PDB file of N, CA and C in Angstrom:
ATOM      1  N   UNK A   1     163.645  46.820 133.251  1.00  0.00           N
ATOM      2  CA  UNK A   1     162.630  46.928 132.235  1.00  0.00           C
ATOM      3  C   UNK A   1     162.027  45.563 131.918  1.00  0.00           C
ATOM      4  N   UNK A   2     162.807  44.513 132.058  1.00  0.00           N
ATOM      5  CA  UNK A   2     162.276  43.172 131.847  1.00  0.00           C
ATOM      6  C   UNK A   2     161.189  42.862 132.873  1.00  0.00           C
ATOM      7  N   UNK A   3     161.420  43.305 134.094  1.00  0.00           N
ATOM      8  CA  UNK A   3     160.434  43.135 135.159  1.00  0.00           C
ATOM      9  C   UNK A   3     159.127  43.835 134.780  1.00  0.00           C
ATOM     10  N   UNK A   4     159.221  45.010 134.223  1.00  0.00           N
ATOM     11  CA  UNK A   4     158.043  45.765 133.818  1.00  0.00           C
ATOM     12  C   UNK A   4     157.279  45.018 132.725  1.00  0.00           C
ATOM     13  N   UNK A   5     157.987  44.432 131.792  1.00  0.00           N
ATOM     14  CA  UNK A   5     157.353  43.672 130.720  1.00  0.00           C
ATOM     15  C   UNK A   5     156.576  42.479 131.237  1.00  0.00           C
ATOM     16  N   UNK A   6     157.181  41.741 132.161  1.00  0.00           N
ATOM     17  CA  UNK A   6     156.499  40.582 132.739  1.00  0.00           C
ATOM     18  C   UNK A   6     155.273  40.993 133.542  1.00  0.00           C
ATOM     19  N   UNK A   7     155.390  42.060 134.291  1.00  0.00           N
ATOM     20  CA  UNK A   7     154.263  42.519 135.097  1.00  0.00           C
ATOM     21  C   UNK A   7     153.092  42.966 134.212  1.00  0.00           C
ATOM     22  N   UNK A   8     153.390  43.672 133.137  1.00  0.00           N
ATOM     23  CA  UNK A   8     152.335  44.114 132.229  1.00  0.00           C
ATOM     24  C   UNK A   8     151.694  42.915 131.538  1.00  0.00           C
ATOM     25  N   UNK A   9     152.515  41.969 131.092  1.00  0.00           N
ATOM     26  CA  UNK A   9     151.976  40.774 130.430  1.00  0.00           C
ATOM     27  C   UNK A   9     151.062  39.990 131.361  1.00  0.00           C
ATOM     28  N   UNK A  10     151.482  39.798 132.596  1.00  0.00           N
ATOM     29  CA  UNK A  10     150.648  39.062 133.556  1.00  0.00           C
ATOM     30  C   UNK A  10     149.384  39.830 133.905  1.00  0.00           C
ATOM     31  N   UNK A  11     149.503  41.148 134.041  1.00  0.00           N
ATOM     32  CA  UNK A  11     148.333  41.960 134.370  1.00  0.00           C
ATOM     33  C   UNK A  11     147.302  41.922 133.249  1.00  0.00           C
ATOM     34  N   UNK A  12     147.746  41.749 132.026  1.00  0.00           N
ATOM     35  CA  UNK A  12     146.823  41.651 130.898  1.00  0.00           C
ATOM     36  C   UNK A  12     146.272  40.237 130.728  1.00  0.00           C
ATOM     37  N   UNK A  13     147.152  39.257 130.803  1.00  0.00           N
ATOM     38  CA  UNK A  13     146.755  37.897 130.460  1.00  0.00           C
ATOM     39  C   UNK A  13     145.930  37.186 131.534  1.00  0.00           C
ATOM     40  N   UNK A  14     146.209  37.431 132.791  1.00  0.00           N
ATOM     41  CA  UNK A  14     145.454  36.734 133.840  1.00  0.00           C
ATOM     42  C   UNK A  14     143.966  37.090 133.842  1.00  0.00           C
ATOM     43  N   UNK A  15     143.576  38.368 133.864  1.00  0.00           N
ATOM     44  CA  UNK A  15     142.138  38.665 133.807  1.00  0.00           C
ATOM     45  C   UNK A  15     141.502  38.256 132.480  1.00  0.00           C
ATOM     46  N   UNK A  16     142.269  38.359 131.402  1.00  0.00           N
ATOM     47  CA  UNK A  16     141.770  37.967 130.095  1.00  0.00           C
ATOM     48  C   UNK A  16     141.482  36.465 130.051  1.00  0.00           C
ATOM     49  N   UNK A  17     142.412  35.688 130.549  1.00  0.00           N
ATOM     50  CA  UNK A  17     142.228  34.234 130.593  1.00  0.00           C
ATOM     51  C   UNK A  17     141.095  33.828 131.521  1.00  0.00           C
ATOM     52  N   UNK A  18     140.988  34.495 132.653  1.00  0.00           N
ATOM     53  CA  UNK A  18     139.911  34.194 133.591  1.00  0.00           C
ATOM     54  C   UNK A  18     138.561  34.532 132.974  1.00  0.00           C
ATOM     55  N   UNK A  19     138.478  35.648 132.260  1.00  0.00           N
ATOM     56  CA  UNK A  19     137.240  36.023 131.588  1.00  0.00           C
ATOM     57  C   UNK A  19     136.855  35.031 130.508  1.00  0.00           C
ATOM     58  N   UNK A  20     137.832  34.556 129.747  1.00  0.00           N
ATOM     59  CA  UNK A  20     137.578  33.560 128.723  1.00  0.00           C
ATOM     60  C   UNK A  20     137.100  32.246 129.341  1.00  0.00           C
ATOM     61  N   UNK A  21     137.732  31.863 130.432  1.00  0.00           N
ATOM     62  CA  UNK A  21     137.322  30.642 131.136  1.00  0.00           C
ATOM     63  C   UNK A  21     135.878  30.762 131.643  1.00  0.00           C
ATOM     64  N   UNK A  22     135.548  31.932 132.224  1.00  0.00           N
ATOM     65  CA  UNK A  22     134.179  32.139 132.699  1.00  0.00           C
ATOM     66  C   UNK A  22     133.172  32.097 131.557  1.00  0.00           C
ATOM     67  N   UNK A  23     133.519  32.686 130.420  1.00  0.00           N
ATOM     68  CA  UNK A  23     132.619  32.662 129.273  1.00  0.00           C
ATOM     69  C   UNK A  23     132.350  31.232 128.808  1.00  0.00           C
ATOM     70  N   UNK A  24     133.377  30.426 128.745  1.00  0.00           N
ATOM     71  CA  UNK A  24     133.202  29.032 128.328  1.00  0.00           C
ATOM     72  C   UNK A  24     132.389  28.249 129.345  1.00  0.00           C
ATOM     73  N   UNK A  25     132.641  28.515 130.600  1.00  0.00           N
ATOM     74  CA  UNK A  25     131.959  27.791 131.682  1.00  0.00           C
ATOM     75  C   UNK A  25     130.485  28.167 131.763  1.00  0.00           C
ATOM     76  N   UNK A  26     130.186  29.471 131.606  1.00  0.00           N
ATOM     77  CA  UNK A  26     128.819  29.952 131.770  1.00  0.00           C
ATOM     78  C   UNK A  26     128.071  30.115 130.446  1.00  0.00           C
ATOM     79  N   UNK A  27     128.766  29.990 129.322  1.00  0.00           N
ATOM     80  CA  UNK A  27     128.131  30.134 128.018  1.00  0.00           C
ATOM     81  C   UNK A  27     127.630  31.539 127.746  1.00  0.00           C
ATOM     82  N   UNK A  28     128.406  32.544 128.119  1.00  0.00           N
ATOM     83  CA  UNK A  28     127.969  33.934 127.992  1.00  0.00           C
ATOM     84  C   UNK A  28     128.580  34.646 126.793  1.00  0.00           C
ATOM     85  N   UNK A  29     129.016  33.932 125.779  1.00  0.00           N
ATOM     86  CA  UNK A  29     129.621  34.593 124.619  1.00  0.00           C
ATOM     87  C   UNK A  29     130.988  35.149 124.987  1.00  0.00           C
ATOM     88  N   UNK A  30     131.189  36.434 124.750  1.00  0.00           N
ATOM     89  CA  UNK A  30     132.476  37.075 125.069  1.00  0.00           C
ATOM     90  C   UNK A  30     132.338  38.169 126.128  1.00  0.00           C
ATOM     91  N   UNK A  31     131.296  38.093 126.919  1.00  0.00           N
ATOM     92  CA  UNK A  31     131.045  39.124 127.927  1.00  0.00           C
ATOM     93  C   UNK A  31     132.199  39.248 128.915  1.00  0.00           C
ATOM     94  N   UNK A  32     132.540  38.159 129.578  1.00  0.00           N
ATOM     95  CA  UNK A  32     133.596  38.211 130.593  1.00  0.00           C
ATOM     96  C   UNK A  32     134.983  38.359 129.969  1.00  0.00           C
ATOM     97  N   UNK A  33     135.128  37.961 128.715  1.00  0.00           N
ATOM     98  CA  UNK A  33     136.375  38.187 128.007  1.00  0.00           C
ATOM     99  C   UNK A  33     136.662  39.692 127.924  1.00  0.00           C
ATOM    100  N   UNK A  34     135.640  40.469 127.533  1.00  0.00           N
ATOM    101  CA  UNK A  34     135.821  41.916 127.424  1.00  0.00           C
ATOM    102  C   UNK A  34     135.934  42.588 128.784  1.00  0.00           C
ATOM    103  N   UNK A  35     135.244  42.072 129.775  1.00  0.00           N
ATOM    104  CA  UNK A  35     135.392  42.599 131.140  1.00  0.00           C
ATOM    105  C   UNK A  35     136.821  42.337 131.625  1.00  0.00           C
ATOM    106  N   UNK A  36     137.318  41.129 131.389  1.00  0.00           N
ATOM    107  CA  UNK A  36     138.695  40.799 131.765  1.00  0.00           C
ATOM    108  C   UNK A  36     139.710  41.640 131.015  1.00  0.00           C
ATOM    109  N   UNK A  37     139.442  41.896 129.732  1.00  0.00           N
ATOM    110  CA  UNK A  37     140.345  42.740 128.945  1.00  0.00           C
ATOM    111  C   UNK A  37     140.386  44.160 129.502  1.00  0.00           C
ATOM    112  N   UNK A  38     139.229  44.677 129.875  1.00  0.00           N
ATOM    113  CA  UNK A  38     139.174  46.032 130.443  1.00  0.00           C
ATOM    114  C   UNK A  38     139.927  46.108 131.764  1.00  0.00           C
ATOM    115  N   UNK A  39     139.710  45.130 132.619  1.00  0.00           N
ATOM    116  CA  UNK A  39     140.417  45.097 133.904  1.00  0.00           C
ATOM    117  C   UNK A  39     141.916  44.939 133.679  1.00  0.00           C
ATOM    118  N   UNK A  40     142.303  44.094 132.743  1.00  0.00           N
ATOM    119  CA  UNK A  40     143.715  43.877 132.447  1.00  0.00           C
ATOM    120  C   UNK A  40     144.399  45.121 131.918  1.00  0.00           C
ATOM    121  N   UNK A  41     143.727  45.833 131.025  1.00  0.00           N
ATOM    122  CA  UNK A  41     144.305  47.063 130.475  1.00  0.00           C
ATOM    123  C   UNK A  41     144.470  48.112 131.569  1.00  0.00           C
ATOM    124  N   UNK A  42     143.469  48.247 132.419  1.00  0.00           N
ATOM    125  CA  UNK A  42     143.554  49.195 133.529  1.00  0.00           C
ATOM    126  C   UNK A  42     144.693  48.822 134.482  1.00  0.00           C
ATOM    127  N   UNK A  43     144.775  47.552 134.835  1.00  0.00           N
ATOM    128  CA  UNK A  43     145.831  47.103 135.749  1.00  0.00           C
ATOM    129  C   UNK A  43     147.215  47.288 135.131  1.00  0.00           C
ATOM    130  N   UNK A  44     147.366  46.965 133.854  1.00  0.00           N
ATOM    131  CA  UNK A  44     148.661  47.118 133.188  1.00  0.00           C
ATOM    132  C   UNK A  44     149.079  48.579 133.124  1.00  0.00           C
ATOM    133  N   UNK A  45     148.130  49.461 132.904  1.00  0.00           N
ATOM    134  CA  UNK A  45     148.432  50.889 132.867  1.00  0.00           C
ATOM    135  C   UNK A  45     148.904  51.389 134.227  1.00  0.00           C
ATOM    136  N   UNK A  46     148.208  50.984 135.277  1.00  0.00           N
ATOM    137  CA  UNK A  46     148.592  51.394 136.635  1.00  0.00           C
ATOM    138  C   UNK A  46     149.978  50.864 136.973  1.00  0.00           C
ATOM    139  N   UNK A  47     150.238  49.611 136.642  1.00  0.00           N
ATOM    140  CA  UNK A  47     151.552  49.016 136.921  1.00  0.00           C
ATOM    141  C   UNK A  47     152.650  49.743 136.149  1.00  0.00           C
ATOM    142  N   UNK A  48     152.409  50.036 134.877  1.00  0.00           N
ATOM    143  CA  UNK A  48     153.423  50.712 134.068  1.00  0.00           C
ATOM    144  C   UNK A  48     153.729  52.101 134.604  1.00  0.00           C
ATOM    145  N   UNK A  49     152.703  52.830 135.023  1.00  0.00           N
ATOM    146  CA  UNK A  49     152.911  54.178 135.561  1.00  0.00           C
ATOM    147  C   UNK A  49     153.690  54.117 136.870  1.00  0.00           C
ATOM    148  N   UNK A  50     153.346  53.182 137.730  1.00  0.00           N
ATOM    149  CA  UNK A  50     154.069  53.061 139.012  1.00  0.00           C
ATOM    150  C   UNK A  50     155.523  52.681 138.816  1.00  0.00           C
ATOM    151  N   UNK A  51     155.787  51.709 137.948  1.00  0.00           N
ATOM    152  CA  UNK A  51     157.174  51.292 137.717  1.00  0.00           C
ATOM    153  C   UNK A  51     157.963  52.413 137.057  1.00  0.00           C
ATOM    154  N   UNK A  52     157.360  53.089 136.088  1.00  0.00           N
ATOM    155  CA  UNK A  52     158.051  54.204 135.426  1.00  0.00           C
ATOM    156  C   UNK A  52     158.334  55.325 136.420  1.00  0.00           C
ATOM    157  N   UNK A  53     157.398  55.596 137.321  1.00  0.00           N
ATOM    158  CA  UNK A  53     157.614  56.621 138.343  1.00  0.00           C
ATOM    159  C   UNK A  53     158.772  56.277 139.261  1.00  0.00           C
ATOM    160  N   UNK A  54     158.843  55.016 139.649  1.00  0.00           N
ATOM    161  CA  UNK A  54     159.963  54.582 140.499  1.00  0.00           C
ATOM    162  C   UNK A  54     161.294  54.703 139.768  1.00  0.00           C
ATOM    163  N   UNK A  55     161.300  54.369 138.477  1.00  0.00           N
ATOM    164  CA  UNK A  55     162.534  54.470 137.701  1.00  0.00           C
ATOM    165  C   UNK A  55     162.969  55.921 137.550  1.00  0.00           C
ATOM    166  N   UNK A  56     162.026  56.806 137.343  1.00  0.00           N
ATOM    167  CA  UNK A  56     162.355  58.228 137.226  1.00  0.00           C
ATOM    168  C   UNK A  56     162.937  58.745 138.529  1.00  0.00           C
ATOM    169  N   UNK A  57     162.333  58.359 139.651  1.00  0.00           N
ATOM    170  CA  UNK A  57     162.871  58.773 140.953  1.00  0.00           C
ATOM    171  C   UNK A  57     164.254  58.195 141.181  1.00  0.00           C
ATOM    172  N   UNK A  58     164.465  56.952 140.787  1.00  0.00           N
ATOM    173  CA  UNK A  58     165.765  56.310 140.974  1.00  0.00           C
ATOM    174  C   UNK A  58     166.851  56.992 140.143  1.00  0.00           C
ATOM    175  N   UNK A  59     166.486  57.520 139.000  1.00  0.00           N
ATOM    176  CA  UNK A  59     167.454  58.216 138.159  1.00  0.00           C
ATOM    177  C   UNK A  59     167.743  59.623 138.655  1.00  0.00           C
ATOM    178  N   UNK A  60     166.923  60.101 139.602  1.00  0.00           N
ATOM    179  CA  UNK A  60     167.146  61.412 140.174  1.00  0.00           C
ATOM    180  C   UNK A  60     166.655  62.552 139.315  1.00  0.00           C
ATOM    181  N   UNK A  61     165.715  62.289 138.458  1.00  0.00           N
ATOM    182  CA  UNK A  61     165.178  63.357 137.621  1.00  0.00           C
ATOM    183  C   UNK A  61     164.261  64.236 138.451  1.00  0.00           C
ATOM    184  N   UNK A  62     164.265  65.529 138.184  1.00  0.00           N
ATOM    185  CA  UNK A  62     163.415  66.437 138.964  1.00  0.00           C
ATOM    186  C   UNK A  62     161.949  66.195 138.673  1.00  0.00           C
ATOM    187  N   UNK A  63     161.146  66.390 139.684  1.00  0.00           N
ATOM    188  CA  UNK A  63     159.704  66.229 139.500  1.00  0.00           C
ATOM    189  C   UNK A  63     159.118  67.521 138.953  1.00  0.00           C
ATOM    190  N   UNK A  64     157.936  67.451 138.419  1.00  0.00           N
ATOM    191  CA  UNK A  64     157.262  68.606 137.832  1.00  0.00           C
ATOM    192  C   UNK A  64     156.424  69.283 138.908  1.00  0.00           C
ATOM    193  N   UNK A  65     157.047  70.127 139.747  1.00  0.00           N
ATOM    194  CA  UNK A  65     156.335  70.782 140.845  1.00  0.00           C
ATOM    195  C   UNK A  65     156.382  72.287 140.692  1.00  0.00           C
ATOM    196  N   UNK A  66     156.129  72.779 139.495  1.00  0.00           N
ATOM    197  CA  UNK A  66     156.111  74.223 139.259  1.00  0.00           C
ATOM    198  C   UNK A  66     154.833  74.807 139.851  1.00  0.00           C
ATOM    199  N   UNK A  67     154.842  76.076 140.259  1.00  0.00           N
ATOM    200  CA  UNK A  67     153.627  76.706 140.773  1.00  0.00           C
ATOM    201  C   UNK A  67     152.516  76.718 139.732  1.00  0.00           C
ATOM    202  N   UNK A  68     151.289  76.850 140.184  1.00  0.00           N
ATOM    203  CA  UNK A  68     150.125  76.775 139.303  1.00  0.00           C
ATOM    204  C   UNK A  68     150.094  77.910 138.287  1.00  0.00           C
ATOM    205  N   UNK A  69     150.732  79.035 138.574  1.00  0.00           N
ATOM    206  CA  UNK A  69     150.713  80.181 137.659  1.00  0.00           C
ATOM    207  C   UNK A  69     151.662  79.986 136.494  1.00  0.00           C
ATOM    208  N   UNK A  70     152.511  78.988 136.559  1.00  0.00           N
ATOM    209  CA  UNK A  70     153.457  78.745 135.492  1.00  0.00           C
ATOM    210  C   UNK A  70     154.752  79.513 135.661  1.00  0.00           C
ATOM    211  N   UNK A  71     154.836  80.376 136.652  1.00  0.00           N
ATOM    212  CA  UNK A  71     156.047  81.147 136.904  1.00  0.00           C
ATOM    213  C   UNK A  71     156.789  80.522 138.074  1.00  0.00           C
ATOM    214  N   UNK A  72     158.089  80.546 137.989  1.00  0.00           N
ATOM    215  CA  UNK A  72     158.901  80.023 139.082  1.00  0.00           C
ATOM    216  C   UNK A  72     159.142  81.130 140.095  1.00  0.00           C
ATOM    217  N   UNK A  73     158.984  80.783 141.373  1.00  0.00           N
ATOM    218  CA  UNK A  73     159.260  81.758 142.430  1.00  0.00           C
ATOM    219  C   UNK A  73     160.722  81.649 142.827  1.00  0.00           C
ATOM    220  N   UNK A  74     161.305  82.771 143.137  1.00  0.00           N
ATOM    221  CA  UNK A  74     162.671  82.774 143.599  1.00  0.00           C
ATOM    222  C   UNK A  74     162.708  82.372 145.058  1.00  0.00           C
ATOM    223  N   UNK A  75     163.808  81.724 145.449  1.00  0.00           N
ATOM    224  CA  UNK A  75     163.944  81.296 146.840  1.00  0.00           C
ATOM    225  C   UNK A  75     163.993  82.489 147.764  1.00  0.00           C
ATOM    226  N   UNK A  76     163.305  82.376 148.884  1.00  0.00           N
ATOM    227  CA  UNK A  76     163.330  83.418 149.881  1.00  0.00           C
ATOM    228  C   UNK A  76     162.281  84.490 149.674  1.00  0.00           C
ATOM    229  N   UNK A  77     161.645  84.526 148.545  1.00  0.00           N
ATOM    230  CA  UNK A  77     160.606  85.530 148.268  1.00  0.00           C
ATOM    231  C   UNK A  77     159.249  84.858 148.338  1.00  0.00           C
ATOM    232  N   UNK A  78     158.319  85.523 148.987  1.00  0.00           N
ATOM    233  CA  UNK A  78     156.975  85.004 149.090  1.00  0.00           C
ATOM    234  C   UNK A  78     156.077  85.689 148.083  1.00  0.00           C
ATOM    235  N   UNK A  79     155.007  85.028 147.754  1.00  0.00           N
ATOM    236  CA  UNK A  79     154.029  85.621 146.849  1.00  0.00           C
ATOM    237  C   UNK A  79     153.219  86.644 147.625  1.00  0.00           C
ATOM    238  N   UNK A  80     153.128  87.869 147.142  1.00  0.00           N
ATOM    239  CA  UNK A  80     152.452  88.941 147.864  1.00  0.00           C
ATOM    240  C   UNK A  80     151.007  89.115 147.414  1.00  0.00           C
ATOM    241  N   UNK A  81     150.525  88.323 146.486  1.00  0.00           N
ATOM    242  CA  UNK A  81     149.168  88.492 145.964  1.00  0.00           C
ATOM    243  C   UNK A  81     148.149  88.001 146.908  1.00  0.00           C
TER     244      UNK A  81
END
């Protein structure tokens, strides 16, 4: 979980810092700051979902693969519809 925290922090702070640097360099107000924040939030979300998915698989928890109808099919029986 510590690894996940560092990855999320870096995914947020690097684009944010780069956007702030670009704003100061180009004199564009906070335009690139907000672009960097958006990219950072998106990247952090993707990283968190991937790491959480790997942890769930490592713990051996069952995946959510129920049929689309919401009913569970019994083994050996096919859907006749």
